[in-house]
Protein backbone atom coordinates (compact mmCIF):
# COMPACT_ATOMS: atom_id res chain seq x y z
CA UNK A 1 5.11 -11.97 -6.25
CA UNK A 2 2.71 -10.30 -3.88
CA UNK A 3 -0.92 -10.72 -2.97
CA UNK A 4 -3.47 -7.94 -3.55
CA UNK A 5 -2.33 -6.17 -0.35
CA UNK A 6 1.37 -6.19 -1.29
CA UNK A 7 2.43 -9.02 1.05
CA UNK A 8 5.12 -11.21 -0.45
CA UNK A 9 4.14 -14.85 -0.98
CA UNK A 10 7.63 -16.06 -0.07
CA UNK A 11 7.89 -14.19 3.25
CA UNK A 12 4.73 -13.62 5.29
CA UNK A 13 4.68 -10.27 7.05
CA UNK A 14 6.92 -8.56 4.47
CA UNK A 15 5.16 -6.02 2.29
CA UNK A 16 6.30 -4.43 -0.97
CA UNK A 17 4.82 -0.95 -0.80
CA UNK A 18 5.37 1.53 -3.60
CA UNK A 19 6.54 1.19 -7.17
CA UNK A 20 8.02 -2.23 -6.43
CA UNK A 21 4.57 -3.74 -6.87
CA UNK A 22 4.66 -3.02 -10.59
CA UNK A 23 6.05 -5.77 -12.79
CA UNK A 24 7.04 -3.31 -15.51
CA UNK A 25 7.08 0.40 -16.26
CA UNK A 26 3.93 1.48 -18.05
CA UNK A 27 5.31 4.66 -19.57
CA UNK A 28 3.13 7.05 -17.56
CA UNK A 29 3.22 8.79 -14.19
CA UNK A 30 1.93 6.19 -11.67
CA UNK A 31 1.96 8.42 -8.54
CA UNK A 32 -1.74 8.12 -7.73
CA UNK A 33 -1.72 4.38 -8.35
CA UNK A 34 1.31 3.95 -6.06
CA UNK A 35 -0.44 6.02 -3.37
CA UNK A 36 -3.61 3.94 -3.66
CA UNK A 37 -1.68 0.66 -3.41
CA UNK A 38 0.23 1.94 -0.36
CA UNK A 39 -3.06 2.97 1.26
CA UNK A 40 -4.56 -0.49 0.65
CA UNK A 41 -1.46 -2.16 2.12
CA UNK A 42 -1.61 0.09 5.19
CA UNK A 43 -5.31 -0.65 5.71
CA UNK A 44 -4.61 -4.39 5.58
CA UNK A 45 -1.76 -4.08 8.08
CA UNK A 46 -4.00 -2.15 10.45
CA UNK A 47 -6.78 -4.71 10.03
CA UNK A 48 -4.42 -7.60 10.81
CA UNK A 49 -2.98 -5.90 13.88
CA UNK A 50 -6.35 -4.70 15.15
CA UNK A 51 -5.14 -1.09 15.21
CA UNK A 52 -8.27 0.35 13.61
CA UNK A 53 -8.85 2.13 10.31
CA UNK A 54 -6.99 4.88 8.55
CA UNK A 55 -8.52 8.32 8.70
CA UNK A 56 -8.32 10.41 5.54
CA UNK A 57 -6.16 13.50 6.00
CA UNK A 58 -7.99 16.78 5.65
CA UNK A 59 -6.54 19.82 3.95
CA UNK A 60 -4.19 21.79 6.18
CA UNK A 61 -3.51 19.01 8.67
CA UNK A 62 -0.59 16.67 9.16
CA UNK A 63 -1.49 13.00 9.46
């Protein structure tokens, strides 16, 4: 079980990022949902460490 940011309840500081956050397969392509969940987890990690905010990548650049 994880919280809304993907952090495991049983082990603070350990995040499940990716398809592991889904409890079952929904029968569709979840790529955008997985990307959004990973982005939210990363934002929370940055907030907790005080590292700042994520910047959206622009076309033609490498983040």
